[in-house]
Amino acid sequence: LWKQVLETPTLENPFNGGDPCVDLGGVVEPFGPFSGPPIECTVTQGTKVFVTAFTSECSTLEIGTPFGGSNPRELRACARAVDAGITRTDVALDGRAVPVNEVESGLLRLNLPGDNIFGAPAGPGPLSVAHGWVAHLGQPLRPGEHKITIAIAGTYLGEPVDFTITTTS
């Protein structure tokens, strides 16, 4: 997910107002910044939905920020540390709890487009690692409207967080 989002041009990027319904090749991931309007995704019958309850990413592009590192070991430690204060990550589908798993990406090698959200030069090279909590909703959802609710609590970068996001699909 992070590789695809970071390699998406700025105008199409969910972190810059682009489509928050990220197509992962037959699986849709409602994804975007914490704040903003509720995400609504329309998917075709048979499409699976993957939910990121909470996630952070660290890269070699962000050295000097809480999200930076200069090598794979530092990036992995960074991604874990940024998320260390999160104490609650709950996901529900239509009011029923869905299992959530803590995950970590492998080392991602980014190939940035010319117009990227970092304002960095185009091309291959930057490295990234992500950490977070995810839920796979399993079988494709039955036709109709569904509500995916994500509840997060704890601290993030030293600030208290306690919010709920509802996605309609």
Protein backbone atom coordinates (compact mmCIF):
# COMPACT_ATOMS: atom_id res chain seq x y z
CA LEU A 1 0.00 0.00 0.00
CA TRP A 2 2.63 2.56 1.04
CA LYS A 3 4.78 1.88 -2.03
CA GLN A 4 1.82 2.48 -4.32
CA VAL A 5 0.74 5.63 -2.48
CA LEU A 6 4.23 7.14 -2.35
CA GLU A 7 4.75 6.41 -6.06
CA THR A 8 1.43 8.08 -6.99
CA PRO A 9 1.80 11.55 -8.57
CA THR A 10 0.86 14.48 -6.34
CA LEU A 11 -2.44 15.39 -8.00
CA GLU A 12 -3.69 11.78 -7.81
CA ASN A 13 -2.29 11.07 -4.34
CA PRO A 14 -4.79 10.41 -1.50
CA PHE A 15 -2.67 12.65 0.76
CA ASN A 16 -3.24 15.56 -1.61
CA GLY A 17 -6.96 15.17 -2.37
CA GLY A 18 -6.63 12.33 -4.90
CA ASP A 19 -8.80 9.22 -4.89
CA PRO A 20 -8.69 7.66 -1.39
CA CYS A 21 -9.91 4.32 -2.76
CA VAL A 22 -6.53 2.80 -3.60
CA ASP A 23 -6.73 -0.10 -6.07
CA LEU A 24 -4.26 -2.80 -5.09
CA GLY A 25 -5.10 -5.05 -8.03
CA GLY A 26 -8.49 -6.56 -7.24
CA VAL A 27 -8.41 -5.35 -3.64
CA VAL A 28 -9.49 -1.84 -2.63
CA GLU A 29 -7.95 -0.01 0.31
CA PRO A 30 -9.77 3.08 1.65
CA PHE A 31 -6.73 5.20 2.62
CA GLY A 32 -5.89 8.81 3.34
CA PRO A 33 -4.95 11.28 6.04
CA PHE A 34 -6.56 11.15 9.50
CA SER A 35 -8.52 14.34 8.94
CA GLY A 36 -10.79 15.19 6.08
CA PRO A 37 -14.14 14.10 4.79
CA PRO A 38 -15.34 10.51 5.31
CA ILE A 39 -14.04 8.15 2.66
CA GLU A 40 -16.60 6.61 0.34
CA CYS A 41 -15.53 3.85 -2.04
CA THR A 42 -17.72 2.22 -4.65
CA VAL A 43 -16.43 -1.19 -5.61
CA THR A 44 -17.61 -3.68 -8.18
CA GLN A 45 -19.09 -6.97 -7.06
CA GLY A 46 -16.37 -9.45 -6.17
CA THR A 47 -13.83 -6.82 -5.06
CA LYS A 48 -12.17 -7.49 -1.73
CA VAL A 49 -11.58 -4.69 0.78
CA PHE A 50 -8.41 -4.29 2.83
CA VAL A 51 -8.42 -1.90 5.80
CA THR A 52 -5.46 -0.12 7.32
CA ALA A 53 -6.51 0.76 10.84
CA PHE A 54 -3.40 2.85 11.46
CA THR A 55 -0.01 3.04 9.80
CA SER A 56 3.17 5.07 9.63
CA GLU A 57 5.98 5.10 7.11
CA CYS A 58 9.60 6.17 7.40
CA SER A 59 11.90 6.83 4.46
CA THR A 60 15.32 8.00 3.42
CA LEU A 61 13.55 11.03 1.92
CA GLU A 62 12.50 12.31 5.35
CA ILE A 63 15.81 12.43 7.26
CA GLY A 64 15.64 15.02 10.00
CA THR A 65 11.94 14.48 10.67
CA PRO A 66 10.25 11.93 12.92
CA PHE A 67 9.76 9.85 9.74
CA GLY A 68 13.36 9.62 8.53
CA GLY A 69 16.19 7.15 8.54
CA SER A 70 19.31 6.57 6.48
CA ASN A 71 19.42 2.76 6.30
CA PRO A 72 17.08 -0.24 6.59
CA ARG A 73 17.72 -0.75 10.33
CA GLU A 74 16.99 2.90 11.13
CA LEU A 75 13.87 2.92 8.93
CA ARG A 76 12.45 -0.16 10.66
CA ALA A 77 13.17 1.28 14.12
CA CYS A 78 11.66 4.61 13.04
CA ALA A 79 8.40 3.08 11.79
CA ARG A 80 7.99 1.08 15.01
CA ALA A 81 8.87 4.05 17.22
CA VAL A 82 6.44 6.44 15.51
CA ASP A 83 3.59 3.98 16.18
CA ALA A 84 4.74 2.92 19.67
CA GLY A 85 2.15 5.05 21.49
CA ILE A 86 -0.89 3.59 19.74
CA THR A 87 -2.80 1.50 22.28
CA ARG A 88 -6.07 0.75 20.49
CA THR A 89 -6.77 -0.22 16.88
CA ASP A 90 -10.26 -1.60 16.41
CA VAL A 91 -12.01 -2.30 13.11
CA ALA A 92 -15.69 -3.17 12.66
CA LEU A 93 -17.65 -4.06 9.54
CA ASP A 94 -21.33 -3.21 9.80
CA GLY A 95 -21.00 -3.13 13.61
CA ARG A 96 -19.17 -6.46 13.96
CA ALA A 97 -15.55 -6.58 15.13
CA VAL A 98 -12.97 -7.67 12.56
CA PRO A 99 -9.58 -9.15 13.59
CA VAL A 100 -6.74 -6.63 13.34
CA ASN A 101 -3.11 -7.67 12.85
CA GLU A 102 0.05 -5.70 13.56
CA VAL A 103 2.24 -5.74 10.45
CA GLU A 104 5.48 -4.37 9.11
CA SER A 105 6.54 -4.04 5.50
CA GLY A 106 9.73 -5.33 4.06
CA LEU A 107 12.22 -2.79 2.79
CA LEU A 108 10.47 -0.85 0.02
CA ARG A 109 12.52 0.55 -2.87
CA LEU A 110 10.62 3.52 -4.24
CA ASN A 111 10.56 4.70 -7.84
CA LEU A 112 9.19 8.23 -7.59
CA PRO A 113 7.29 9.97 -10.39
CA GLY A 114 8.43 13.44 -11.47
CA ASP A 115 5.58 15.07 -9.58
CA ASN A 116 5.66 13.36 -6.16
CA ILE A 117 4.38 14.39 -2.73
CA PHE A 118 7.94 14.76 -1.42
CA GLY A 119 9.01 17.20 -4.16
CA ALA A 120 12.01 14.90 -4.64
CA PRO A 121 13.76 14.11 -7.92
CA ALA A 122 12.09 11.44 -10.05
CA GLY A 123 13.49 7.97 -10.27
CA PRO A 124 14.47 4.94 -8.25
CA GLY A 125 16.44 4.99 -5.07
CA PRO A 126 14.64 6.10 -1.91
CA LEU A 127 14.02 3.42 0.70
CA SER A 128 11.00 3.09 2.98
CA VAL A 129 9.62 0.85 5.73
CA ALA A 130 6.07 0.91 7.09
CA HIS A 131 4.47 -0.36 10.29
CA GLY A 132 0.84 -0.51 11.32
CA TRP A 133 -2.32 -2.47 11.96
CA VAL A 134 -4.48 -3.94 9.21
CA ALA A 135 -7.65 -5.95 8.72
CA HIS A 136 -8.53 -8.00 5.67
CA LEU A 137 -12.28 -8.26 5.35
CA GLY A 138 -11.94 -11.72 3.78
CA GLN A 139 -14.48 -12.56 1.15
CA PRO A 140 -15.81 -9.79 -1.10
CA LEU A 141 -18.62 -7.84 0.54
CA ARG A 142 -22.17 -8.68 -0.43
CA PRO A 143 -23.83 -6.08 -2.67
CA GLY A 144 -25.16 -3.04 -0.83
CA GLU A 145 -23.89 -0.32 1.45
CA HIS A 146 -21.42 -1.23 4.20
CA LYS A 147 -19.82 0.76 7.01
CA ILE A 148 -16.24 0.17 8.06
CA THR A 149 -15.45 1.79 11.39
CA ILE A 150 -11.90 2.27 12.67
CA ALA A 151 -11.28 3.37 16.27
CA ILE A 152 -7.78 4.48 17.32
CA ALA A 153 -6.46 5.61 20.69
CA GLY A 154 -3.12 6.32 22.35
CA THR A 155 -0.45 8.85 21.47
CA TYR A 156 1.10 9.69 18.14
CA LEU A 157 4.32 11.72 18.03
CA GLY A 158 3.70 12.62 21.67
CA GLU A 159 0.17 13.92 21.09
CA PRO A 160 -2.96 12.17 22.35
CA VAL A 161 -5.11 10.53 19.68
CA ASP A 162 -8.62 9.22 20.11
CA PHE A 163 -10.70 9.16 16.97
CA THR A 164 -13.09 7.08 14.94
CA ILE A 165 -13.23 6.97 11.14
CA THR A 166 -16.21 5.56 9.24
CA THR A 167 -15.92 4.51 5.61
CA THR A 168 -18.93 3.71 3.48
CA SER A 169 -18.42 1.24 0.65
